[in-house]
N, C-alpha and C. Protein backbone atom coordinates (compact mmCIF):
# COMPACT_ATOMS: atom_id res chain seq x y z
N MET A 1 -49.41 11.80 65.16
CA MET A 1 -48.12 11.32 64.76
C MET A 1 -47.42 12.39 63.93
N LYS A 2 -46.15 12.52 64.13
CA LYS A 2 -45.33 13.42 63.33
C LYS A 2 -44.17 12.64 62.74
N ARG A 3 -43.77 13.01 61.55
CA ARG A 3 -42.57 12.47 60.90
C ARG A 3 -41.74 13.65 60.44
N HIS A 4 -40.45 13.42 60.29
CA HIS A 4 -39.63 14.53 59.82
C HIS A 4 -38.62 14.06 58.78
N ALA A 5 -38.16 15.03 58.04
CA ALA A 5 -37.07 14.86 57.08
C ALA A 5 -36.22 16.11 57.16
N THR A 6 -34.96 15.97 56.81
CA THR A 6 -34.04 17.08 56.86
C THR A 6 -33.43 17.30 55.48
N ALA A 7 -33.40 18.54 55.06
CA ALA A 7 -32.75 18.90 53.81
C ALA A 7 -31.62 19.87 54.11
N THR A 8 -30.45 19.60 53.56
CA THR A 8 -29.30 20.48 53.69
C THR A 8 -28.92 20.94 52.30
N TRP A 9 -28.72 22.26 52.13
CA TRP A 9 -28.38 22.82 50.83
C TRP A 9 -27.11 23.63 50.94
N HIS A 10 -26.25 23.53 49.92
CA HIS A 10 -25.01 24.30 49.86
C HIS A 10 -24.93 25.01 48.52
N GLY A 11 -24.71 26.32 48.54
CA GLY A 11 -24.48 27.07 47.31
C GLY A 11 -25.72 27.70 46.74
N ALA A 12 -25.55 28.25 45.54
CA ALA A 12 -26.63 28.92 44.83
C ALA A 12 -27.57 27.90 44.18
N LEU A 13 -28.74 28.37 43.80
CA LEU A 13 -29.76 27.47 43.25
C LEU A 13 -29.26 26.67 42.06
N GLY A 14 -28.71 27.32 41.06
CA GLY A 14 -28.34 26.64 39.82
C GLY A 14 -27.12 25.75 39.92
N THR A 15 -26.22 26.05 40.84
CA THR A 15 -24.96 25.29 40.92
C THR A 15 -24.79 24.55 42.23
N GLY A 16 -25.66 24.79 43.18
CA GLY A 16 -25.53 24.15 44.48
C GLY A 16 -26.00 22.72 44.49
N THR A 17 -25.81 22.09 45.63
CA THR A 17 -26.27 20.71 45.83
C THR A 17 -26.82 20.58 47.23
N GLY A 18 -27.63 19.56 47.39
CA GLY A 18 -28.20 19.32 48.70
C GLY A 18 -28.33 17.84 48.97
N SER A 19 -28.75 17.53 50.19
CA SER A 19 -29.02 16.15 50.55
C SER A 19 -30.26 16.11 51.43
N ILE A 20 -30.96 14.99 51.32
CA ILE A 20 -32.20 14.79 52.07
C ILE A 20 -32.06 13.50 52.88
N THR A 21 -32.46 13.58 54.15
CA THR A 21 -32.46 12.42 55.04
C THR A 21 -33.82 12.34 55.71
N THR A 22 -34.38 11.14 55.76
CA THR A 22 -35.67 10.95 56.41
C THR A 22 -35.50 10.30 57.77
N GLN A 23 -36.46 10.54 58.62
CA GLN A 23 -36.46 10.00 59.97
C GLN A 23 -36.30 8.49 59.98
N SER A 24 -36.98 7.81 59.06
CA SER A 24 -36.95 6.34 59.03
C SER A 24 -35.60 5.79 58.57
N GLY A 25 -34.83 6.61 57.88
CA GLY A 25 -33.58 6.14 57.30
C GLY A 25 -33.76 5.61 55.89
N ALA A 26 -34.99 5.62 55.38
CA ALA A 26 -35.22 5.16 54.01
C ALA A 26 -34.41 6.00 53.02
N LEU A 27 -34.26 7.27 53.32
CA LEU A 27 -33.36 8.14 52.57
C LEU A 27 -32.30 8.64 53.55
N LYS A 28 -31.06 8.50 53.18
CA LYS A 28 -29.97 8.97 54.04
C LYS A 28 -28.97 9.71 53.15
N ASP A 29 -28.93 11.00 53.33
CA ASP A 29 -28.03 11.85 52.56
C ASP A 29 -28.20 11.65 51.06
N ASN A 30 -29.45 11.49 50.61
CA ASN A 30 -29.73 11.37 49.18
C ASN A 30 -29.58 12.74 48.52
N GLY A 31 -28.79 12.77 47.45
CA GLY A 31 -28.51 14.03 46.79
C GLY A 31 -29.66 14.57 45.98
N TYR A 32 -29.70 15.91 45.92
CA TYR A 32 -30.61 16.58 45.01
C TYR A 32 -29.98 17.89 44.56
N SER A 33 -30.45 18.37 43.40
CA SER A 33 -29.85 19.56 42.80
C SER A 33 -30.85 20.20 41.84
N PHE A 34 -30.47 21.35 41.32
CA PHE A 34 -31.29 22.01 40.32
C PHE A 34 -31.46 21.10 39.11
N LYS A 35 -30.36 20.47 38.67
CA LYS A 35 -30.43 19.57 37.52
C LYS A 35 -31.41 18.43 37.79
N ALA A 36 -31.33 17.82 38.97
CA ALA A 36 -32.23 16.71 39.30
C ALA A 36 -33.68 17.17 39.34
N ARG A 37 -33.90 18.41 39.67
CA ARG A 37 -35.27 18.90 39.82
C ARG A 37 -35.85 19.40 38.51
N PHE A 38 -35.06 20.12 37.71
CA PHE A 38 -35.62 20.82 36.57
C PHE A 38 -35.08 20.43 35.21
N GLU A 39 -33.99 19.67 35.15
CA GLU A 39 -33.38 19.40 33.86
C GLU A 39 -33.32 17.92 33.49
N ASP A 40 -33.19 17.04 34.44
CA ASP A 40 -32.96 15.62 34.16
C ASP A 40 -34.26 14.83 34.27
N GLU A 41 -34.94 14.66 33.14
CA GLU A 41 -36.19 13.90 33.12
C GLU A 41 -35.99 12.42 33.41
N SER A 42 -34.75 11.92 33.26
CA SER A 42 -34.50 10.49 33.49
C SER A 42 -34.56 10.14 34.98
N GLY A 43 -34.33 11.12 35.84
CA GLY A 43 -34.33 10.87 37.28
C GLY A 43 -33.04 10.26 37.78
N LYS A 44 -32.01 10.20 36.97
CA LYS A 44 -30.77 9.53 37.35
C LYS A 44 -29.81 10.42 38.14
N SER A 45 -30.02 11.74 38.13
CA SER A 45 -29.06 12.62 38.79
C SER A 45 -29.42 12.94 40.23
N GLY A 46 -30.40 12.26 40.78
CA GLY A 46 -30.77 12.47 42.18
C GLY A 46 -32.26 12.66 42.33
N THR A 47 -32.69 12.71 43.56
CA THR A 47 -34.12 12.89 43.83
C THR A 47 -34.48 14.37 43.76
N ASN A 48 -35.74 14.67 43.97
CA ASN A 48 -36.20 16.06 44.07
C ASN A 48 -37.51 16.08 44.83
N PRO A 49 -37.94 17.25 45.28
CA PRO A 49 -39.18 17.31 46.07
C PRO A 49 -40.39 16.73 45.36
N GLU A 50 -40.49 16.90 44.04
CA GLU A 50 -41.65 16.39 43.32
C GLU A 50 -41.67 14.86 43.30
N GLU A 51 -40.50 14.24 43.14
CA GLU A 51 -40.43 12.79 43.19
C GLU A 51 -40.85 12.27 44.56
N LEU A 52 -40.41 12.94 45.59
CA LEU A 52 -40.77 12.52 46.95
C LEU A 52 -42.26 12.71 47.20
N LEU A 53 -42.81 13.79 46.67
CA LEU A 53 -44.25 14.03 46.77
C LEU A 53 -45.03 12.96 46.02
N ALA A 54 -44.54 12.58 44.84
CA ALA A 54 -45.18 11.52 44.06
C ALA A 54 -45.18 10.20 44.84
N ALA A 55 -44.06 9.87 45.46
CA ALA A 55 -43.98 8.64 46.25
C ALA A 55 -44.97 8.68 47.41
N ALA A 56 -45.05 9.82 48.07
CA ALA A 56 -45.98 9.96 49.19
C ALA A 56 -47.42 9.81 48.72
N HIS A 57 -47.76 10.42 47.58
CA HIS A 57 -49.14 10.36 47.10
C HIS A 57 -49.52 8.95 46.67
N ALA A 58 -48.64 8.29 45.91
CA ALA A 58 -48.93 6.91 45.48
C ALA A 58 -49.08 5.98 46.68
N GLY A 59 -48.19 6.10 47.64
CA GLY A 59 -48.26 5.24 48.82
C GLY A 59 -49.50 5.48 49.65
N CYS A 60 -49.83 6.73 49.86
CA CYS A 60 -51.01 7.08 50.65
C CYS A 60 -52.29 6.59 49.98
N PHE A 61 -52.39 6.83 48.67
CA PHE A 61 -53.56 6.40 47.92
C PHE A 61 -53.73 4.88 47.99
N ALA A 62 -52.65 4.13 47.79
CA ALA A 62 -52.73 2.66 47.82
C ALA A 62 -53.17 2.17 49.19
N MET A 63 -52.64 2.77 50.24
CA MET A 63 -53.04 2.35 51.60
C MET A 63 -54.51 2.67 51.86
N GLN A 64 -54.95 3.87 51.47
CA GLN A 64 -56.34 4.26 51.68
C GLN A 64 -57.28 3.34 50.91
N LEU A 65 -56.93 3.05 49.65
CA LEU A 65 -57.76 2.16 48.85
C LEU A 65 -57.80 0.76 49.44
N SER A 66 -56.67 0.26 49.93
CA SER A 66 -56.67 -1.09 50.52
C SER A 66 -57.64 -1.16 51.69
N HIS A 67 -57.74 -0.09 52.46
CA HIS A 67 -58.68 -0.04 53.58
C HIS A 67 -60.13 -0.10 53.07
N PHE A 68 -60.45 0.72 52.08
CA PHE A 68 -61.81 0.75 51.55
C PHE A 68 -62.19 -0.59 50.91
N LEU A 69 -61.24 -1.22 50.22
CA LEU A 69 -61.52 -2.52 49.61
C LEU A 69 -61.76 -3.60 50.66
N ALA A 70 -60.98 -3.60 51.72
CA ALA A 70 -61.18 -4.56 52.80
C ALA A 70 -62.52 -4.34 53.49
N GLU A 71 -62.85 -3.08 53.73
CA GLU A 71 -64.16 -2.76 54.33
C GLU A 71 -65.31 -3.27 53.46
N ASN A 72 -65.10 -3.27 52.15
CA ASN A 72 -66.11 -3.73 51.20
C ASN A 72 -66.19 -5.25 51.13
N GLY A 73 -65.27 -5.94 51.79
CA GLY A 73 -65.24 -7.40 51.74
C GLY A 73 -64.53 -7.94 50.51
N THR A 74 -63.78 -7.07 49.82
CA THR A 74 -63.04 -7.46 48.62
C THR A 74 -61.58 -6.99 48.75
N PRO A 75 -60.83 -7.59 49.66
CA PRO A 75 -59.46 -7.12 49.85
C PRO A 75 -58.63 -7.30 48.57
N ALA A 76 -57.70 -6.38 48.39
CA ALA A 76 -56.85 -6.40 47.20
C ALA A 76 -55.82 -7.51 47.30
N GLU A 77 -55.56 -8.15 46.17
CA GLU A 77 -54.43 -9.05 46.06
C GLU A 77 -53.16 -8.24 45.80
N GLU A 78 -53.29 -7.20 44.94
CA GLU A 78 -52.16 -6.33 44.65
C GLU A 78 -52.66 -5.00 44.12
N LEU A 79 -52.05 -3.92 44.59
CA LEU A 79 -52.32 -2.58 44.10
C LEU A 79 -51.00 -1.97 43.65
N LYS A 80 -50.89 -1.62 42.37
CA LYS A 80 -49.70 -0.94 41.86
C LYS A 80 -50.10 0.49 41.53
N ALA A 81 -49.80 1.39 42.45
CA ALA A 81 -50.15 2.80 42.29
C ALA A 81 -48.93 3.60 41.88
N ARG A 82 -49.17 4.58 41.04
CA ARG A 82 -48.10 5.49 40.60
C ARG A 82 -48.67 6.90 40.61
N SER A 83 -47.83 7.85 40.97
CA SER A 83 -48.20 9.26 40.87
C SER A 83 -47.16 9.96 40.02
N ASP A 84 -47.62 10.71 39.05
CA ASP A 84 -46.75 11.57 38.24
C ASP A 84 -47.04 13.02 38.64
N VAL A 85 -46.09 13.63 39.32
CA VAL A 85 -46.24 15.01 39.77
C VAL A 85 -45.58 15.92 38.75
N SER A 86 -46.30 16.95 38.34
CA SER A 86 -45.79 17.91 37.35
C SER A 86 -45.45 19.23 38.01
N VAL A 87 -44.30 19.77 37.64
CA VAL A 87 -43.90 21.11 38.05
C VAL A 87 -43.71 21.92 36.77
N GLU A 88 -44.32 23.10 36.73
CA GLU A 88 -44.34 23.90 35.51
C GLU A 88 -43.91 25.33 35.82
N PRO A 89 -43.33 26.02 34.81
CA PRO A 89 -43.03 27.44 35.00
C PRO A 89 -44.32 28.21 35.32
N SER A 90 -44.20 29.16 36.24
CA SER A 90 -45.38 29.91 36.66
C SER A 90 -44.97 31.24 37.28
N ASP A 91 -45.44 32.33 36.70
CA ASP A 91 -45.21 33.67 37.27
C ASP A 91 -43.76 33.92 37.63
N GLY A 92 -42.85 33.60 36.72
CA GLY A 92 -41.44 33.85 36.96
C GLY A 92 -40.76 32.82 37.85
N GLY A 93 -41.49 31.82 38.29
CA GLY A 93 -40.94 30.75 39.11
C GLY A 93 -41.50 29.43 38.63
N PHE A 94 -41.76 28.54 39.56
CA PHE A 94 -42.32 27.24 39.24
C PHE A 94 -43.45 26.91 40.21
N SER A 95 -44.40 26.10 39.75
CA SER A 95 -45.50 25.63 40.59
C SER A 95 -45.75 24.15 40.32
N ILE A 96 -46.06 23.42 41.36
CA ILE A 96 -46.55 22.06 41.20
C ILE A 96 -47.99 22.19 40.76
N THR A 97 -48.32 21.55 39.62
CA THR A 97 -49.65 21.76 39.03
C THR A 97 -50.56 20.54 39.11
N THR A 98 -50.00 19.34 39.04
CA THR A 98 -50.84 18.15 39.04
C THR A 98 -50.16 16.98 39.72
N SER A 99 -50.99 16.08 40.19
CA SER A 99 -50.55 14.74 40.58
C SER A 99 -51.51 13.78 39.90
N ALA A 100 -50.98 13.05 38.93
CA ALA A 100 -51.79 12.11 38.15
C ALA A 100 -51.55 10.70 38.67
N LEU A 101 -52.56 10.15 39.34
CA LEU A 101 -52.48 8.79 39.86
C LEU A 101 -52.88 7.79 38.79
N THR A 102 -52.13 6.70 38.69
CA THR A 102 -52.54 5.57 37.88
C THR A 102 -52.48 4.33 38.76
N LEU A 103 -53.35 3.39 38.46
CA LEU A 103 -53.46 2.20 39.30
C LEU A 103 -53.75 0.98 38.44
N GLU A 104 -53.03 -0.08 38.72
CA GLU A 104 -53.37 -1.41 38.22
C GLU A 104 -53.66 -2.24 39.46
N ALA A 105 -54.86 -2.81 39.51
CA ALA A 105 -55.31 -3.48 40.72
C ALA A 105 -55.79 -4.90 40.45
N LYS A 106 -55.37 -5.81 41.30
CA LYS A 106 -55.91 -7.17 41.31
C LYS A 106 -56.80 -7.27 42.55
N VAL A 107 -58.10 -7.29 42.30
CA VAL A 107 -59.08 -7.31 43.39
C VAL A 107 -60.12 -8.37 43.08
N PRO A 108 -59.91 -9.59 43.56
CA PRO A 108 -60.87 -10.65 43.29
C PRO A 108 -62.26 -10.32 43.84
N GLY A 109 -63.27 -10.61 43.02
CA GLY A 109 -64.65 -10.52 43.47
C GLY A 109 -65.28 -9.15 43.43
N ILE A 110 -64.61 -8.15 42.92
CA ILE A 110 -65.21 -6.81 42.90
C ILE A 110 -65.79 -6.52 41.51
N ASP A 111 -66.91 -5.81 41.47
CA ASP A 111 -67.48 -5.40 40.19
C ASP A 111 -66.92 -4.02 39.81
N GLN A 112 -66.98 -3.70 38.53
CA GLN A 112 -66.37 -2.47 38.00
C GLN A 112 -66.94 -1.22 38.66
N ALA A 113 -68.23 -1.15 38.85
CA ALA A 113 -68.85 0.06 39.43
C ALA A 113 -68.36 0.30 40.86
N THR A 114 -68.29 -0.75 41.66
CA THR A 114 -67.82 -0.61 43.04
C THR A 114 -66.35 -0.23 43.05
N PHE A 115 -65.57 -0.85 42.16
CA PHE A 115 -64.15 -0.52 42.05
C PHE A 115 -63.97 0.96 41.74
N GLU A 116 -64.70 1.47 40.78
CA GLU A 116 -64.60 2.89 40.41
C GLU A 116 -65.00 3.79 41.56
N GLN A 117 -66.05 3.42 42.28
CA GLN A 117 -66.51 4.23 43.42
C GLN A 117 -65.44 4.26 44.51
N LEU A 118 -64.86 3.11 44.84
CA LEU A 118 -63.89 3.05 45.92
C LEU A 118 -62.56 3.70 45.55
N THR A 119 -62.14 3.58 44.29
CA THR A 119 -60.90 4.25 43.89
C THR A 119 -61.06 5.77 43.93
N ALA A 120 -62.20 6.27 43.47
CA ALA A 120 -62.45 7.71 43.53
C ALA A 120 -62.50 8.20 44.98
N LYS A 121 -63.13 7.42 45.83
CA LYS A 121 -63.22 7.77 47.25
C LYS A 121 -61.82 7.80 47.88
N ALA A 122 -60.97 6.84 47.53
CA ALA A 122 -59.61 6.81 48.07
C ALA A 122 -58.81 8.00 47.56
N LYS A 123 -58.95 8.33 46.28
CA LYS A 123 -58.24 9.50 45.72
C LYS A 123 -58.62 10.76 46.47
N ASP A 124 -59.89 10.92 46.76
CA ASP A 124 -60.36 12.14 47.42
C ASP A 124 -60.06 12.18 48.91
N ASN A 125 -59.89 11.02 49.53
CA ASN A 125 -59.81 10.98 50.99
C ASN A 125 -58.48 10.59 51.60
N CYS A 126 -57.50 10.19 50.79
CA CYS A 126 -56.21 9.90 51.42
C CYS A 126 -55.62 11.22 51.93
N PRO A 127 -54.93 11.20 53.06
CA PRO A 127 -54.42 12.44 53.64
C PRO A 127 -53.53 13.25 52.71
N VAL A 128 -52.73 12.60 51.87
CA VAL A 128 -51.87 13.36 50.96
C VAL A 128 -52.72 14.05 49.90
N SER A 129 -53.75 13.39 49.38
CA SER A 129 -54.65 14.05 48.43
C SER A 129 -55.27 15.29 49.06
N LYS A 130 -55.69 15.17 50.29
CA LYS A 130 -56.28 16.33 50.98
C LYS A 130 -55.27 17.46 51.09
N ALA A 131 -54.02 17.13 51.39
CA ALA A 131 -52.98 18.15 51.50
C ALA A 131 -52.68 18.80 50.15
N LEU A 132 -52.93 18.08 49.07
CA LEU A 132 -52.66 18.59 47.73
C LEU A 132 -53.88 19.28 47.12
N GLY A 133 -54.78 19.75 47.93
CA GLY A 133 -56.02 20.34 47.46
C GLY A 133 -55.87 21.53 46.53
N ALA A 134 -54.70 22.15 46.48
CA ALA A 134 -54.50 23.32 45.64
C ALA A 134 -54.13 22.95 44.20
N ILE A 135 -53.90 21.66 43.92
CA ILE A 135 -53.50 21.26 42.57
C ILE A 135 -54.52 20.28 41.99
N LYS A 136 -54.40 20.04 40.70
CA LYS A 136 -55.29 19.11 40.01
C LYS A 136 -54.85 17.67 40.31
N LEU A 137 -55.78 16.85 40.77
CA LEU A 137 -55.54 15.43 41.03
C LEU A 137 -56.38 14.62 40.04
N THR A 138 -55.73 13.69 39.37
CA THR A 138 -56.44 12.83 38.42
C THR A 138 -56.18 11.37 38.80
N LEU A 139 -57.04 10.50 38.26
CA LEU A 139 -56.92 9.07 38.53
C LEU A 139 -57.32 8.27 37.30
N ASP A 140 -56.47 7.33 36.94
CA ASP A 140 -56.75 6.35 35.89
C ASP A 140 -56.55 4.98 36.54
N ALA A 141 -57.65 4.30 36.87
CA ALA A 141 -57.59 3.03 37.60
C ALA A 141 -58.12 1.90 36.75
N LYS A 142 -57.38 0.79 36.75
CA LYS A 142 -57.77 -0.39 35.96
C LYS A 142 -57.69 -1.64 36.80
N LEU A 143 -58.69 -2.50 36.62
CA LEU A 143 -58.62 -3.86 37.18
C LEU A 143 -57.83 -4.72 36.21
N VAL A 144 -56.90 -5.51 36.73
CA VAL A 144 -56.11 -6.39 35.87
C VAL A 144 -56.25 -7.81 36.33
């Protein structure tokens, strides 16, 4: 399976603007800019590649974990996954350095040890985690 997204950029890095559209239509001409990427911690001035990467990682991890939990006979009632992706100055430019996953999970009937084993397995084996092999991946998972 292949999916695509399109990014259009106009102007110089610091003053230009762009838009991102996804194949599914979930994003359609969503704006992004230097400010949205590097200056606005609130996230109100538009999306950026790191935010989209965080969404992909959280979604992939939750889906992978739901599969492992079902295989274990303890399907999840709810998984709230979040990824915080960090971009830091590096060698005169910037580098994505980490994706920190956090999870609050409602999983009836599972014991803590099995939960920890399956969450770690999902973190290591979801396709987005595998693609992010060059950066630090962390996980803080809690049963609620």
